[in-house]
Amino acid sequence: MDENELSHKIIGACIEVHRTLGPGLLENVYQQCLAREFELQGIPFEKEIAKQISYKDVLIECGLRLDFFVDNRVIVELKAVEKLLPIHTAQVLTYLKLTGCKLGLLINFNVSILKNGIERLALDL
């Protein structure tokens, strides 16, 4: 499965969580439920993983904390905010740059229709 097919499955899982819970909850609730939905759908993932980064030839241990790293290829960053801001987009783009991943999904669950809360961000894809 390529990144596009994988992102389609991830978005489908996010839609299922949003359809079941609706907007207005804390990010952590959506994160726990999305982890369960990934399990139910057989989508391989790691949750809240710390990734090292290299800075001027030195590995930095504090690095990054990714909400989800799906199938070692797609970064998924969750939000539950009134509106996605440019800083949220910049966060995901920086994660992509620093990890070498090509695809990231920024998902804001605090919207009435989830498709209005999804940003698909790609580097060199």
N, C-alpha and C. Protein backbone atom coordinates (compact mmCIF):
# COMPACT_ATOMS: atom_id res chain seq x y z
N MET A 1 0.85 -1.17 0.00
CA MET A 1 0.00 0.00 0.00
C MET A 1 0.90 1.24 0.00
N ASP A 2 0.63 2.18 -0.89
CA ASP A 2 1.43 3.40 -0.94
C ASP A 2 0.89 4.44 0.04
N GLU A 3 1.58 5.58 0.12
CA GLU A 3 1.20 6.62 1.07
C GLU A 3 -0.21 7.15 0.83
N ASN A 4 -0.62 7.26 -0.44
CA ASN A 4 -1.96 7.76 -0.74
C ASN A 4 -3.05 6.81 -0.24
N GLU A 5 -2.85 5.52 -0.49
CA GLU A 5 -3.83 4.53 0.00
C GLU A 5 -3.85 4.51 1.52
N LEU A 6 -2.68 4.60 2.13
CA LEU A 6 -2.60 4.60 3.59
C LEU A 6 -3.28 5.83 4.17
N SER A 7 -3.05 6.99 3.55
CA SER A 7 -3.69 8.21 4.07
C SER A 7 -5.21 8.12 3.95
N HIS A 8 -5.68 7.47 2.90
CA HIS A 8 -7.14 7.28 2.74
C HIS A 8 -7.70 6.44 3.90
N LYS A 9 -6.98 5.38 4.27
CA LYS A 9 -7.42 4.53 5.39
C LYS A 9 -7.37 5.30 6.71
N ILE A 10 -6.33 6.11 6.91
CA ILE A 10 -6.19 6.90 8.13
C ILE A 10 -7.34 7.89 8.24
N ILE A 11 -7.62 8.58 7.15
CA ILE A 11 -8.72 9.56 7.15
C ILE A 11 -10.05 8.87 7.42
N GLY A 12 -10.25 7.69 6.85
CA GLY A 12 -11.48 6.93 7.11
C GLY A 12 -11.62 6.60 8.59
N ALA A 13 -10.52 6.21 9.23
CA ALA A 13 -10.56 5.92 10.67
C ALA A 13 -10.87 7.18 11.47
N CYS A 14 -10.30 8.30 11.06
CA CYS A 14 -10.57 9.58 11.75
C CYS A 14 -12.03 9.97 11.60
N ILE A 15 -12.58 9.77 10.41
CA ILE A 15 -13.99 10.08 10.18
C ILE A 15 -14.88 9.21 11.06
N GLU A 16 -14.54 7.95 11.21
CA GLU A 16 -15.32 7.05 12.07
C GLU A 16 -15.30 7.53 13.52
N VAL A 17 -14.13 7.93 14.01
CA VAL A 17 -14.04 8.44 15.38
C VAL A 17 -14.87 9.70 15.52
N HIS A 18 -14.76 10.61 14.57
CA HIS A 18 -15.51 11.88 14.64
C HIS A 18 -17.00 11.64 14.53
N ARG A 19 -17.40 10.71 13.66
CA ARG A 19 -18.82 10.39 13.50
C ARG A 19 -19.40 9.84 14.81
N THR A 20 -18.61 9.06 15.52
CA THR A 20 -19.06 8.45 16.77
C THR A 20 -19.07 9.44 17.92
N LEU A 21 -18.01 10.27 18.03
CA LEU A 21 -17.88 11.15 19.19
C LEU A 21 -18.39 12.57 18.96
N GLY A 22 -18.23 13.09 17.75
CA GLY A 22 -18.57 14.48 17.47
C GLY A 22 -17.48 15.41 17.95
N PRO A 23 -17.66 16.72 17.71
CA PRO A 23 -16.66 17.71 18.14
C PRO A 23 -16.83 18.08 19.61
N GLY A 24 -15.83 18.81 20.14
CA GLY A 24 -15.97 19.40 21.46
C GLY A 24 -15.23 18.71 22.59
N LEU A 25 -14.51 17.63 22.30
CA LEU A 25 -13.78 16.93 23.35
C LEU A 25 -12.31 17.33 23.32
N LEU A 26 -11.58 16.90 24.33
CA LEU A 26 -10.15 17.18 24.38
C LEU A 26 -9.40 16.30 23.39
N GLU A 27 -8.26 16.80 22.95
CA GLU A 27 -7.43 16.07 21.98
C GLU A 27 -7.10 14.66 22.45
N ASN A 28 -6.81 14.50 23.73
CA ASN A 28 -6.43 13.20 24.27
C ASN A 28 -7.53 12.15 24.08
N VAL A 29 -8.78 12.56 24.17
CA VAL A 29 -9.89 11.62 23.97
C VAL A 29 -9.88 11.10 22.53
N TYR A 30 -9.72 12.02 21.59
CA TYR A 30 -9.67 11.61 20.18
C TYR A 30 -8.46 10.73 19.92
N GLN A 31 -7.35 11.03 20.55
CA GLN A 31 -6.14 10.24 20.36
C GLN A 31 -6.34 8.80 20.83
N GLN A 32 -6.93 8.64 22.01
CA GLN A 32 -7.17 7.29 22.53
C GLN A 32 -8.15 6.51 21.65
N CYS A 33 -9.19 7.19 21.22
CA CYS A 33 -10.20 6.52 20.39
C CYS A 33 -9.65 6.21 18.99
N LEU A 34 -8.83 7.10 18.45
CA LEU A 34 -8.24 6.82 17.15
C LEU A 34 -7.28 5.64 17.22
N ALA A 35 -6.54 5.54 18.31
CA ALA A 35 -5.66 4.38 18.48
C ALA A 35 -6.49 3.10 18.45
N ARG A 36 -7.62 3.10 19.13
CA ARG A 36 -8.49 1.92 19.13
C ARG A 36 -9.04 1.64 17.73
N GLU A 37 -9.41 2.70 17.01
CA GLU A 37 -9.94 2.52 15.66
C GLU A 37 -8.85 1.97 14.72
N PHE A 38 -7.63 2.45 14.86
CA PHE A 38 -6.52 1.89 14.07
C PHE A 38 -6.37 0.40 14.36
N GLU A 39 -6.45 0.02 15.63
CA GLU A 39 -6.36 -1.40 15.99
C GLU A 39 -7.48 -2.20 15.33
N LEU A 40 -8.70 -1.70 15.41
CA LEU A 40 -9.86 -2.40 14.84
C LEU A 40 -9.73 -2.56 13.34
N GLN A 41 -9.14 -1.56 12.68
CA GLN A 41 -9.03 -1.61 11.22
C GLN A 41 -7.71 -2.22 10.74
N GLY A 42 -6.87 -2.66 11.68
CA GLY A 42 -5.61 -3.29 11.31
C GLY A 42 -4.59 -2.34 10.69
N ILE A 43 -4.65 -1.08 11.11
CA ILE A 43 -3.71 -0.08 10.61
C ILE A 43 -2.52 -0.04 11.56
N PRO A 44 -1.31 -0.36 11.09
CA PRO A 44 -0.15 -0.38 11.99
C PRO A 44 0.26 1.04 12.39
N PHE A 45 0.50 1.24 13.69
CA PHE A 45 0.82 2.59 14.16
C PHE A 45 1.64 2.52 15.44
N GLU A 46 2.28 3.64 15.73
CA GLU A 46 2.89 3.88 17.03
C GLU A 46 2.30 5.19 17.52
N LYS A 47 2.06 5.26 18.81
CA LYS A 47 1.41 6.44 19.40
C LYS A 47 2.37 7.15 20.33
N GLU A 48 2.35 8.48 20.26
CA GLU A 48 3.16 9.34 21.13
C GLU A 48 4.62 8.88 21.18
N ILE A 49 5.20 8.69 20.02
CA ILE A 49 6.57 8.23 20.02
C ILE A 49 7.52 9.43 19.94
N ALA A 50 8.62 9.27 20.60
CA ALA A 50 9.67 10.28 20.56
C ALA A 50 10.63 9.93 19.45
N LYS A 51 10.92 10.88 18.62
CA LYS A 51 11.88 10.70 17.53
C LYS A 51 13.08 11.59 17.79
N GLN A 52 14.25 11.01 17.68
CA GLN A 52 15.46 11.81 17.81
C GLN A 52 15.62 12.67 16.56
N ILE A 53 16.29 13.80 16.75
CA ILE A 53 16.65 14.61 15.60
C ILE A 53 18.15 14.85 15.64
N SER A 54 18.68 15.09 14.48
CA SER A 54 20.10 15.40 14.39
C SER A 54 20.25 16.91 14.21
N TYR A 55 21.05 17.50 15.04
CA TYR A 55 21.33 18.93 14.94
C TYR A 55 22.84 19.12 14.86
N LYS A 56 23.30 19.55 13.71
CA LYS A 56 24.73 19.78 13.48
C LYS A 56 25.56 18.57 13.91
N ASP A 57 25.16 17.42 13.38
CA ASP A 57 25.85 16.14 13.58
C ASP A 57 25.78 15.60 15.01
N VAL A 58 24.85 16.08 15.82
CA VAL A 58 24.66 15.57 17.18
C VAL A 58 23.20 15.12 17.30
N LEU A 59 23.00 13.90 17.83
CA LEU A 59 21.64 13.43 18.06
C LEU A 59 21.07 14.09 19.30
N ILE A 60 19.90 14.67 19.15
CA ILE A 60 19.21 15.34 20.24
C ILE A 60 18.13 14.39 20.75
N GLU A 61 18.24 14.00 21.99
CA GLU A 61 17.31 13.00 22.56
C GLU A 61 15.90 13.53 22.74
N CYS A 62 15.74 14.80 23.12
CA CYS A 62 14.39 15.31 23.39
C CYS A 62 13.56 15.30 22.12
N GLY A 63 14.18 15.60 21.00
CA GLY A 63 13.58 15.46 19.68
C GLY A 63 12.13 15.86 19.57
N LEU A 64 11.37 15.01 18.91
CA LEU A 64 9.97 15.27 18.60
C LEU A 64 9.09 14.24 19.27
N ARG A 65 7.86 14.63 19.54
CA ARG A 65 6.86 13.68 20.03
C ARG A 65 5.71 13.68 19.04
N LEU A 66 5.61 12.60 18.28
CA LEU A 66 4.58 12.48 17.26
C LEU A 66 3.32 11.89 17.87
N ASP A 67 2.16 12.47 17.54
CA ASP A 67 0.90 11.89 18.02
C ASP A 67 0.77 10.47 17.50
N PHE A 68 0.93 10.30 16.19
CA PHE A 68 0.90 8.97 15.59
C PHE A 68 1.93 8.91 14.47
N PHE A 69 2.59 7.77 14.39
CA PHE A 69 3.47 7.45 13.27
C PHE A 69 2.89 6.17 12.68
N VAL A 70 2.25 6.29 11.53
CA VAL A 70 1.49 5.18 10.97
C VAL A 70 2.32 4.45 9.91
N ASP A 71 2.49 3.17 10.15
CA ASP A 71 3.19 2.27 9.23
C ASP A 71 4.59 2.79 8.88
N ASN A 72 5.21 3.48 9.82
CA ASN A 72 6.56 4.05 9.63
C ASN A 72 6.66 4.95 8.40
N ARG A 73 5.52 5.54 7.98
CA ARG A 73 5.52 6.37 6.78
C ARG A 73 4.73 7.65 6.87
N VAL A 74 3.70 7.69 7.69
CA VAL A 74 2.81 8.85 7.73
C VAL A 74 2.73 9.40 9.15
N ILE A 75 2.96 10.69 9.28
CA ILE A 75 2.82 11.37 10.56
C ILE A 75 1.40 11.90 10.66
N VAL A 76 0.75 11.64 11.79
CA VAL A 76 -0.60 12.15 12.03
C VAL A 76 -0.54 13.01 13.28
N GLU A 77 -0.87 14.28 13.12
CA GLU A 77 -0.89 15.23 14.23
C GLU A 77 -2.34 15.61 14.49
N LEU A 78 -2.80 15.40 15.72
CA LEU A 78 -4.18 15.68 16.09
C LEU A 78 -4.29 17.02 16.80
N LYS A 79 -5.41 17.69 16.56
CA LYS A 79 -5.75 18.93 17.25
C LYS A 79 -7.24 18.88 17.58
N ALA A 80 -7.60 19.64 18.60
CA ALA A 80 -9.01 19.87 18.94
C ALA A 80 -9.12 21.35 19.28
N VAL A 81 -9.04 22.16 18.23
CA VAL A 81 -8.98 23.61 18.39
C VAL A 81 -10.09 24.28 17.58
N GLU A 82 -10.35 25.53 17.91
CA GLU A 82 -11.40 26.27 17.20
C GLU A 82 -11.08 26.38 15.71
N LYS A 83 -9.80 26.61 15.40
CA LYS A 83 -9.39 26.80 14.01
C LYS A 83 -7.93 26.41 13.87
N LEU A 84 -7.61 25.70 12.80
CA LEU A 84 -6.22 25.40 12.52
C LEU A 84 -5.51 26.69 12.12
N LEU A 85 -4.33 26.88 12.67
CA LEU A 85 -3.54 28.08 12.41
C LEU A 85 -2.31 27.72 11.59
N PRO A 86 -1.67 28.70 10.99
CA PRO A 86 -0.44 28.42 10.24
C PRO A 86 0.64 27.73 11.07
N ILE A 87 0.70 28.00 12.36
CA ILE A 87 1.70 27.35 13.21
C ILE A 87 1.48 25.84 13.28
N HIS A 88 0.24 25.39 13.21
CA HIS A 88 -0.06 23.96 13.22
C HIS A 88 0.47 23.30 11.94
N THR A 89 0.24 23.97 10.81
CA THR A 89 0.76 23.48 9.54
C THR A 89 2.29 23.45 9.57
N ALA A 90 2.88 24.53 10.08
CA ALA A 90 4.34 24.61 10.17
C ALA A 90 4.89 23.48 11.04
N GLN A 91 4.19 23.14 12.11
CA GLN A 91 4.62 22.06 13.00
C GLN A 91 4.74 20.76 12.22
N VAL A 92 3.72 20.41 11.46
CA VAL A 92 3.73 19.15 10.72
C VAL A 92 4.79 19.18 9.62
N LEU A 93 4.92 20.29 8.92
CA LEU A 93 5.94 20.39 7.89
C LEU A 93 7.34 20.25 8.48
N THR A 94 7.56 20.81 9.66
CA THR A 94 8.85 20.66 10.32
C THR A 94 9.08 19.22 10.72
N TYR A 95 8.04 18.55 11.24
CA TYR A 95 8.16 17.13 11.58
C TYR A 95 8.57 16.32 10.35
N LEU A 96 7.94 16.62 9.21
CA LEU A 96 8.27 15.90 7.97
C LEU A 96 9.73 16.13 7.60
N LYS A 97 10.13 17.36 7.64
CA LYS A 97 11.52 17.70 7.28
C LYS A 97 12.52 17.01 8.19
N LEU A 98 12.28 17.05 9.49
CA LEU A 98 13.24 16.50 10.45
C LEU A 98 13.27 14.97 10.48
N THR A 99 12.16 14.34 10.14
CA THR A 99 12.11 12.87 10.17
C THR A 99 12.39 12.24 8.81
N GLY A 100 12.29 13.02 7.75
CA GLY A 100 12.47 12.46 6.42
C GLY A 100 11.21 11.81 5.87
N CYS A 101 10.11 11.91 6.59
CA CYS A 101 8.84 11.38 6.09
C CYS A 101 8.34 12.26 4.96
N LYS A 102 7.51 11.67 4.12
CA LYS A 102 7.00 12.41 2.97
C LYS A 102 5.58 12.92 3.16
N LEU A 103 4.81 12.31 4.07
CA LEU A 103 3.39 12.65 4.17
C LEU A 103 2.98 12.85 5.62
N GLY A 104 2.23 13.92 5.85
CA GLY A 104 1.68 14.18 7.17
C GLY A 104 0.22 14.57 7.06
N LEU A 105 -0.54 14.19 8.05
CA LEU A 105 -1.95 14.59 8.12
C LEU A 105 -2.15 15.39 9.40
N LEU A 106 -2.74 16.55 9.25
CA LEU A 106 -3.10 17.41 10.37
C LEU A 106 -4.62 17.32 10.49
N ILE A 107 -5.08 16.80 11.62
CA ILE A 107 -6.50 16.53 11.80
C ILE A 107 -7.03 17.35 12.97
N ASN A 108 -8.01 18.21 12.71
CA ASN A 108 -8.68 18.98 13.76
C ASN A 108 -10.07 18.39 13.99
N PHE A 109 -10.26 17.80 15.15
CA PHE A 109 -11.54 17.15 15.46
C PHE A 109 -12.61 18.13 15.93
N ASN A 110 -12.25 19.36 16.17
CA ASN A 110 -13.22 20.33 16.70
C ASN A 110 -13.93 21.08 15.57
N VAL A 111 -14.50 20.33 14.64
CA VAL A 111 -15.27 20.88 13.53
C VAL A 111 -16.55 20.05 13.39
N SER A 112 -17.57 20.65 12.79
CA SER A 112 -18.82 19.91 12.66
C SER A 112 -18.73 18.82 11.59
N ILE A 113 -17.97 19.06 10.52
CA ILE A 113 -17.75 18.07 9.47
C ILE A 113 -16.24 17.86 9.37
N LEU A 114 -15.78 16.64 9.61
CA LEU A 114 -14.34 16.40 9.74
C LEU A 114 -13.55 16.76 8.49
N LYS A 115 -14.12 16.58 7.31
CA LYS A 115 -13.36 16.91 6.10
C LYS A 115 -12.91 18.37 6.10
N ASN A 116 -13.60 19.23 6.84
CA ASN A 116 -13.20 20.64 6.95
C ASN A 116 -12.05 20.83 7.93
N GLY A 117 -11.66 19.78 8.64
CA GLY A 117 -10.59 19.86 9.62
C GLY A 117 -9.36 19.05 9.24
N ILE A 118 -9.25 18.67 7.96
CA ILE A 118 -8.14 17.83 7.54
C ILE A 118 -7.22 18.62 6.60
N GLU A 119 -5.94 18.59 6.91
CA GLU A 119 -4.92 19.12 6.01
C GLU A 119 -3.95 17.99 5.70
N ARG A 120 -3.73 17.77 4.42
CA ARG A 120 -2.77 16.76 3.96
C ARG A 120 -1.54 17.51 3.50
N LEU A 121 -0.40 17.20 4.12
CA LEU A 121 0.83 17.92 3.84
C LEU A 121 1.89 16.94 3.34
N ALA A 122 2.54 17.31 2.25
CA ALA A 122 3.51 16.40 1.64
C ALA A 122 4.82 17.12 1.34
N LEU A 123 5.92 16.39 1.50
CA LEU A 123 7.24 16.84 1.09
C LEU A 123 7.81 15.79 0.15
N ASP A 124 8.17 16.20 -1.05
CA ASP A 124 8.81 15.30 -2.02
C ASP A 124 8.02 14.04 -2.29
N LEU A 125 6.72 14.14 -2.33
CA LEU A 125 5.89 12.96 -2.59
C LEU A 125 5.39 12.99 -4.02
